[in-house]
């Protein structure tokens, strides 16, 4: 089939990095709420674990896109 273009792969990586940043922001927000005693440690740990799992999945997608990008060049 057709391989993705260099531009589309670069765009995909950029989008995935933005999504990853959103998950990091969620972790930071939960940490601030924890420090303000708005949530307890268990709630913070659940938010952190869930978002770190999402980040790992996104990192894998980024790695795959970068490998494809190396093959396109």
PDB file of N, CA and C in Angstrom:
ATOM      1  N   UNK A   1       0.840  -1.177   0.000  1.00  0.00           N
ATOM      2  CA  UNK A   1       0.000   0.000   0.000  1.00  0.00           C
ATOM      3  C   UNK A   1       0.890   1.246   0.000  1.00  0.00           C
ATOM      4  N   UNK A   2       0.246   2.357   0.186  1.00  0.00           N
ATOM      5  CA  UNK A   2       0.975   3.616   0.184  1.00  0.00           C
ATOM      6  C   UNK A   2       1.585   3.872   1.550  1.00  0.00           C
ATOM      7  N   UNK A   3       2.795   4.378   1.559  1.00  0.00           N
ATOM      8  CA  UNK A   3       3.412   4.743   2.833  1.00  0.00           C
ATOM      9  C   UNK A   3       3.076   6.201   3.133  1.00  0.00           C
ATOM     10  N   UNK A   4       2.973   6.535   4.409  1.00  0.00           N
ATOM     11  CA  UNK A   4       2.653   7.919   4.756  1.00  0.00           C
ATOM     12  C   UNK A   4       3.786   8.856   4.348  1.00  0.00           C
ATOM     13  N   UNK A   5       3.427  10.079   4.051  1.00  0.00           N
ATOM     14  CA  UNK A   5       4.433  11.046   3.641  1.00  0.00           C
ATOM     15  C   UNK A   5       5.200  11.566   4.849  1.00  0.00           C
ATOM     16  N   UNK A   6       6.327  12.149   4.571  1.00  0.00           N
ATOM     17  CA  UNK A   6       7.165  12.720   5.617  1.00  0.00           C
ATOM     18  C   UNK A   6       6.391  13.774   6.402  1.00  0.00           C
ATOM     19  N   UNK A   7       5.644  14.616   5.691  1.00  0.00           N
ATOM     20  CA  UNK A   7       4.894  15.685   6.344  1.00  0.00           C
ATOM     21  C   UNK A   7       3.808  15.137   7.261  1.00  0.00           C
ATOM     22  N   UNK A   8       3.124  14.097   6.793  1.00  0.00           N
ATOM     23  CA  UNK A   8       2.052  13.541   7.620  1.00  0.00           C
ATOM     24  C   UNK A   8       2.614  12.867   8.873  1.00  0.00           C
ATOM     25  N   UNK A   9       3.768  12.228   8.743  1.00  0.00           N
ATOM     26  CA  UNK A   9       4.386  11.607   9.912  1.00  0.00           C
ATOM     27  C   UNK A   9       4.858  12.666  10.911  1.00  0.00           C
ATOM     28  N   UNK A  10       5.447  13.740  10.399  1.00  0.00           N
ATOM     29  CA  UNK A  10       5.883  14.819  11.283  1.00  0.00           C
ATOM     30  C   UNK A  10       4.688  15.457  11.986  1.00  0.00           C
ATOM     31  N   UNK A  11       3.586  15.612  11.253  1.00  0.00           N
ATOM     32  CA  UNK A  11       2.368  16.171  11.840  1.00  0.00           C
ATOM     33  C   UNK A  11       1.839  15.245  12.924  1.00  0.00           C
ATOM     34  N   UNK A  12       1.843  13.943  12.655  1.00  0.00           N
ATOM     35  CA  UNK A  12       1.364  12.952  13.628  1.00  0.00           C
ATOM     36  C   UNK A  12       2.197  12.997  14.903  1.00  0.00           C
ATOM     37  N   UNK A  13       3.511  13.074  14.765  1.00  0.00           N
ATOM     38  CA  UNK A  13       4.397  13.147  15.931  1.00  0.00           C
ATOM     39  C   UNK A  13       4.106  14.407  16.738  1.00  0.00           C
ATOM     40  N   UNK A  14       3.920  15.516  16.042  1.00  0.00           N
ATOM     41  CA  UNK A  14       3.626  16.776  16.721  1.00  0.00           C
ATOM     42  C   UNK A  14       2.302  16.682  17.489  1.00  0.00           C
ATOM     43  N   UNK A  15       1.300  16.092  16.872  1.00  0.00           N
ATOM     44  CA  UNK A  15       0.001  15.936  17.533  1.00  0.00           C
ATOM     45  C   UNK A  15       0.106  15.028  18.753  1.00  0.00           C
ATOM     46  N   UNK A  16       0.838  13.934  18.617  1.00  0.00           N
ATOM     47  CA  UNK A  16       1.000  13.008  19.739  1.00  0.00           C
ATOM     48  C   UNK A  16       1.751  13.673  20.892  1.00  0.00           C
ATOM     49  N   UNK A  17       2.757  14.481  20.582  1.00  0.00           N
ATOM     50  CA  UNK A  17       3.474  15.196  21.634  1.00  0.00           C
ATOM     51  C   UNK A  17       2.564  16.186  22.348  1.00  0.00           C
ATOM     52  N   UNK A  18       1.652  16.810  21.620  1.00  0.00           N
ATOM     53  CA  UNK A  18       0.697  17.733  22.240  1.00  0.00           C
ATOM     54  C   UNK A  18      -0.238  16.986  23.186  1.00  0.00           C
ATOM     55  N   UNK A  19      -0.704  15.821  22.761  1.00  0.00           N
ATOM     56  CA  UNK A  19      -1.587  15.017  23.613  1.00  0.00           C
ATOM     57  C   UNK A  19      -0.829  14.565  24.856  1.00  0.00           C
ATOM     58  N   UNK A  20       0.424  14.165  24.669  1.00  0.00           N
ATOM     59  CA  UNK A  20       1.248  13.747  25.802  1.00  0.00           C
ATOM     60  C   UNK A  20       1.410  14.902  26.788  1.00  0.00           C
ATOM     61  N   UNK A  21       1.567  16.104  26.279  1.00  0.00           N
ATOM     62  CA  UNK A  21       1.661  17.281  27.137  1.00  0.00           C
ATOM     63  C   UNK A  21       0.393  17.512  27.939  1.00  0.00           C
ATOM     64  N   UNK A  22      -0.757  17.235  27.325  1.00  0.00           N
ATOM     65  CA  UNK A  22      -2.027  17.361  28.042  1.00  0.00           C
ATOM     66  C   UNK A  22      -2.088  16.391  29.216  1.00  0.00           C
ATOM     67  N   UNK A  23      -1.632  15.170  29.009  1.00  0.00           N
ATOM     68  CA  UNK A  23      -1.619  14.199  30.097  1.00  0.00           C
ATOM     69  C   UNK A  23      -0.652  14.633  31.199  1.00  0.00           C
ATOM     70  N   UNK A  24       0.483  15.171  30.828  1.00  0.00           N
ATOM     71  CA  UNK A  24       1.417  15.678  31.838  1.00  0.00           C
ATOM     72  C   UNK A  24       0.796  16.835  32.614  1.00  0.00           C
ATOM     73  N   UNK A  25       0.059  17.694  31.916  1.00  0.00           N
ATOM     74  CA  UNK A  25      -0.632  18.793  32.587  1.00  0.00           C
ATOM     75  C   UNK A  25      -1.638  18.265  33.606  1.00  0.00           C
ATOM     76  N   UNK A  26      -2.336  17.183  33.250  1.00  0.00           N
ATOM     77  CA  UNK A  26      -3.293  16.581  34.183  1.00  0.00           C
ATOM     78  C   UNK A  26      -2.587  16.081  35.446  1.00  0.00           C
ATOM     79  N   UNK A  27      -1.422  15.481  35.270  1.00  0.00           N
ATOM     80  CA  UNK A  27      -0.651  15.018  36.423  1.00  0.00           C
ATOM     81  C   UNK A  27      -0.228  16.208  37.280  1.00  0.00           C
ATOM     82  N   UNK A  28       0.261  17.264  36.642  1.00  0.00           N
ATOM     83  CA  UNK A  28       0.674  18.458  37.380  1.00  0.00           C
ATOM     84  C   UNK A  28      -0.498  19.086  38.127  1.00  0.00           C
ATOM     85  N   UNK A  29      -1.651  19.130  37.486  1.00  0.00           N
ATOM     86  CA  UNK A  29      -2.846  19.688  38.121  1.00  0.00           C
ATOM     87  C   UNK A  29      -3.248  18.859  39.340  1.00  0.00           C
ATOM     88  N   UNK A  30      -3.189  17.542  39.210  1.00  0.00           N
ATOM     89  CA  UNK A  30      -3.516  16.657  40.330  1.00  0.00           C
ATOM     90  C   UNK A  30      -2.509  16.845  41.467  1.00  0.00           C
ATOM     91  N   UNK A  31      -1.244  17.031  41.119  1.00  0.00           N
ATOM     92  CA  UNK A  31      -0.234  17.254  42.147  1.00  0.00           C
ATOM     93  C   UNK A  31      -0.507  18.551  42.908  1.00  0.00           C
ATOM     94  N   UNK A  32      -0.871  19.611  42.175  1.00  0.00           N
ATOM     95  CA  UNK A  32      -1.203  20.873  42.842  1.00  0.00           C
ATOM     96  C   UNK A  32      -2.420  20.709  43.749  1.00  0.00           C
ATOM     97  N   UNK A  33      -3.420  19.972  43.291  1.00  0.00           N
ATOM     98  CA  UNK A  33      -4.611  19.728  44.110  1.00  0.00           C
ATOM     99  C   UNK A  33      -4.249  18.916  45.354  1.00  0.00           C
ATOM    100  N   UNK A  34      -3.361  17.965  45.202  1.00  0.00           N
ATOM    101  CA  UNK A  34      -2.909  17.162  46.338  1.00  0.00           C
ATOM    102  C   UNK A  34      -2.184  18.038  47.355  1.00  0.00           C
ATOM    103  N   UNK A  35      -1.323  18.922  46.867  1.00  0.00           N
ATOM    104  CA  UNK A  35      -0.585  19.802  47.779  1.00  0.00           C
ATOM    105  C   UNK A  35      -1.501  20.799  48.482  1.00  0.00           C
ATOM    106  N   UNK A  36      -2.621  21.151  47.831  1.00  0.00           N
ATOM    107  CA  UNK A  36      -3.597  22.056  48.452  1.00  0.00           C
ATOM    108  C   UNK A  36      -4.588  21.284  49.320  1.00  0.00           C
ATOM    109  N   UNK A  37      -4.380  19.975  49.456  1.00  0.00           N
ATOM    110  CA  UNK A  37      -5.232  19.079  50.251  1.00  0.00           C
ATOM    111  C   UNK A  37      -6.654  19.020  49.716  1.00  0.00           C
ATOM    112  N   UNK A  38      -6.816  19.179  48.399  1.00  0.00           N
ATOM    113  CA  UNK A  38      -8.128  19.047  47.776  1.00  0.00           C
ATOM    114  C   UNK A  38      -8.435  17.601  47.406  1.00  0.00           C
ATOM    115  N   UNK A  39      -7.394  16.807  47.201  1.00  0.00           N
ATOM    116  CA  UNK A  39      -7.556  15.377  46.960  1.00  0.00           C
ATOM    117  C   UNK A  39      -6.582  14.633  47.861  1.00  0.00           C
ATOM    118  N   UNK A  40      -6.879  13.370  48.123  1.00  0.00           N
ATOM    119  CA  UNK A  40      -5.956  12.602  48.966  1.00  0.00           C
ATOM    120  C   UNK A  40      -4.911  11.885  48.106  1.00  0.00           C
ATOM    121  N   UNK A  41      -3.964  11.261  48.781  1.00  0.00           N
ATOM    122  CA  UNK A  41      -2.849  10.607  48.083  1.00  0.00           C
ATOM    123  C   UNK A  41      -3.342   9.517  47.130  1.00  0.00           C
ATOM    124  N   UNK A  42      -4.350   8.747  47.554  1.00  0.00           N
ATOM    125  CA  UNK A  42      -4.863   7.673  46.699  1.00  0.00           C
ATOM    126  C   UNK A  42      -5.434   8.219  45.395  1.00  0.00           C
ATOM    127  N   UNK A  43      -6.183   9.300  45.485  1.00  0.00           N
ATOM    128  CA  UNK A  43      -6.733   9.910  44.271  1.00  0.00           C
ATOM    129  C   UNK A  43      -5.616  10.402  43.368  1.00  0.00           C
ATOM    130  N   UNK A  44      -4.610  11.049  43.962  1.00  0.00           N
ATOM    131  CA  UNK A  44      -3.480  11.537  43.173  1.00  0.00           C
ATOM    132  C   UNK A  44      -2.768  10.383  42.488  1.00  0.00           C
ATOM    133  N   UNK A  45      -2.521   9.316  43.214  1.00  0.00           N
ATOM    134  CA  UNK A  45      -1.809   8.165  42.650  1.00  0.00           C
ATOM    135  C   UNK A  45      -2.612   7.523  41.514  1.00  0.00           C
ATOM    136  N   UNK A  46      -3.941   7.476  41.634  1.00  0.00           N
ATOM    137  CA  UNK A  46      -4.766   6.923  40.559  1.00  0.00           C
ATOM    138  C   UNK A  46      -4.675   7.784  39.303  1.00  0.00           C
ATOM    139  N   UNK A  47      -4.765   9.100  39.493  1.00  0.00           N
ATOM    140  CA  UNK A  47      -4.663  10.012  38.351  1.00  0.00           C
ATOM    141  C   UNK A  47      -3.292   9.873  37.698  1.00  0.00           C
ATOM    142  N   UNK A  48      -2.261   9.843  38.524  1.00  0.00           N
ATOM    143  CA  UNK A  48      -0.893   9.736  38.012  1.00  0.00           C
ATOM    144  C   UNK A  48      -0.688   8.429  37.253  1.00  0.00           C
ATOM    145  N   UNK A  49      -1.127   7.317  37.823  1.00  0.00           N
ATOM    146  CA  UNK A  49      -0.945   6.011  37.182  1.00  0.00           C
ATOM    147  C   UNK A  49      -1.697   5.944  35.852  1.00  0.00           C
ATOM    148  N   UNK A  50      -2.941   6.435  35.840  1.00  0.00           N
ATOM    149  CA  UNK A  50      -3.747   6.396  34.625  1.00  0.00           C
ATOM    150  C   UNK A  50      -3.098   7.227  33.517  1.00  0.00           C
ATOM    151  N   UNK A  51      -2.656   8.427  33.868  1.00  0.00           N
ATOM    152  CA  UNK A  51      -2.057   9.303  32.867  1.00  0.00           C
ATOM    153  C   UNK A  51      -0.694   8.804  32.410  1.00  0.00           C
ATOM    154  N   UNK A  52       0.080   8.219  33.305  1.00  0.00           N
ATOM    155  CA  UNK A  52       1.375   7.655  32.901  1.00  0.00           C
ATOM    156  C   UNK A  52       1.182   6.488  31.947  1.00  0.00           C
ATOM    157  N   UNK A  53       0.120   5.718  32.139  1.00  0.00           N
ATOM    158  CA  UNK A  53      -0.181   4.624  31.214  1.00  0.00           C
ATOM    159  C   UNK A  53      -0.494   5.178  29.824  1.00  0.00           C
ATOM    160  N   UNK A  54      -1.291   6.231  29.783  1.00  0.00           N
ATOM    161  CA  UNK A  54      -1.598   6.870  28.500  1.00  0.00           C
ATOM    162  C   UNK A  54      -0.323   7.410  27.850  1.00  0.00           C
ATOM    163  N   UNK A  55       0.539   8.020  28.643  1.00  0.00           N
ATOM    164  CA  UNK A  55       1.786   8.586  28.119  1.00  0.00           C
ATOM    165  C   UNK A  55       2.660   7.486  27.522  1.00  0.00           C
ATOM    166  N   UNK A  56       2.738   6.349  28.185  1.00  0.00           N
ATOM    167  CA  UNK A  56       3.542   5.240  27.656  1.00  0.00           C
ATOM    168  C   UNK A  56       2.994   4.748  26.317  1.00  0.00           C
ATOM    169  N   UNK A  57       1.674   4.666  26.209  1.00  0.00           N
ATOM    170  CA  UNK A  57       1.072   4.239  24.947  1.00  0.00           C
ATOM    171  C   UNK A  57       1.370   5.244  23.833  1.00  0.00           C
ATOM    172  N   UNK A  58       1.312   6.515  24.181  1.00  0.00           N
ATOM    173  CA  UNK A  58       1.617   7.551  23.195  1.00  0.00           C
ATOM    174  C   UNK A  58       3.089   7.503  22.810  1.00  0.00           C
ATOM    175  N   UNK A  59       3.968   7.274  23.790  1.00  0.00           N
ATOM    176  CA  UNK A  59       5.399   7.167  23.484  1.00  0.00           C
ATOM    177  C   UNK A  59       5.664   6.046  22.483  1.00  0.00           C
ATOM    178  N   UNK A  60       4.948   4.937  22.612  1.00  0.00           N
ATOM    179  CA  UNK A  60       5.111   3.828  21.671  1.00  0.00           C
ATOM    180  C   UNK A  60       4.676   4.254  20.270  1.00  0.00           C
ATOM    181  N   UNK A  61       3.570   4.982  20.184  1.00  0.00           N
ATOM    182  CA  UNK A  61       3.097   5.466  18.883  1.00  0.00           C
ATOM    183  C   UNK A  61       4.096   6.453  18.277  1.00  0.00           C
ATOM    184  N   UNK A  62       4.695   7.275  19.119  1.00  0.00           N
ATOM    185  CA  UNK A  62       5.705   8.229  18.637  1.00  0.00           C
ATOM    186  C   UNK A  62       6.925   7.479  18.113  1.00  0.00           C
ATOM    187  N   UNK A  63       7.362   6.456  18.848  1.00  0.00           N
ATOM    188  CA  UNK A  63       8.506   5.649  18.392  1.00  0.00           C
ATOM    189  C   UNK A  63       8.214   5.015  17.032  1.00  0.00           C
ATOM    190  N   UNK A  64       7.023   4.466  16.880  1.00  0.00           N
ATOM    191  CA  UNK A  64       6.649   3.839  15.610  1.00  0.00           C
ATOM    192  C   UNK A  64       6.639   4.864  14.482  1.00  0.00           C
ATOM    193  N   UNK A  65       6.098   6.042  14.751  1.00  0.00           N
ATOM    194  CA  UNK A  65       6.046   7.087  13.722  1.00  0.00           C
ATOM    195  C   UNK A  65       7.454   7.546  13.355  1.00  0.00           C
ATOM    196  N   UNK A  66       8.339   7.639  14.335  1.00  0.00           N
ATOM    197  CA  UNK A  66       9.719   8.055  14.048  1.00  0.00           C
ATOM    198  C   UNK A  66      10.453   6.995  13.229  1.00  0.00           C
ATOM    199  N   UNK A  67      10.187   5.725  13.519  1.00  0.00           N
ATOM    200  CA  UNK A  67      10.800   4.658  12.723  1.00  0.00           C
ATOM    201  C   UNK A  67      10.326   4.731  11.274  1.00  0.00           C
ATOM    202  N   UNK A  68       9.034   4.943  11.079  1.00  0.00           N
ATOM    203  CA  UNK A  68       8.501   5.088   9.730  1.00  0.00           C
ATOM    204  C   UNK A  68       9.097   6.304   9.046  1.00  0.00           C
ATOM    205  N   UNK A  69       9.284   7.377   9.814  1.00  0.00           N
ATOM    206  CA  UNK A  69       9.859   8.598   9.257  1.00  0.00           C
ATOM    207  C   UNK A  69      11.285   8.350   8.772  1.00  0.00           C
ATOM    208  N   UNK A  70      12.038   7.557   9.525  1.00  0.00           N
ATOM    209  CA  UNK A  70      13.407   7.222   9.093  1.00  0.00           C
ATOM    210  C   UNK A  70      13.388   6.421   7.797  1.00  0.00           C
ATOM    211  N   UNK A  71      12.400   5.591   7.601  1.00  0.00           N
ATOM    212  CA  UNK A  71      12.303   4.777   6.391  1.00  0.00           C
ATOM    213  C   UNK A  71      11.839   5.594   5.181  1.00  0.00           C
ATOM    214  N   UNK A  72      11.142   6.697   5.425  1.00  0.00           N
ATOM    215  CA  UNK A  72      10.635   7.524   4.335  1.00  0.00           C
ATOM    216  C   UNK A  72      11.752   8.356   3.726  1.00  0.00           C
ATOM    217  N   UNK A  73      12.660   8.792   4.535  1.00  0.00           N
ATOM    218  CA  UNK A  73      13.721   9.693   4.054  1.00  0.00           C
ATOM    219  C   UNK A  73      14.601   9.059   3.079  1.00  0.00           C
TER     220      UNK A  73
END
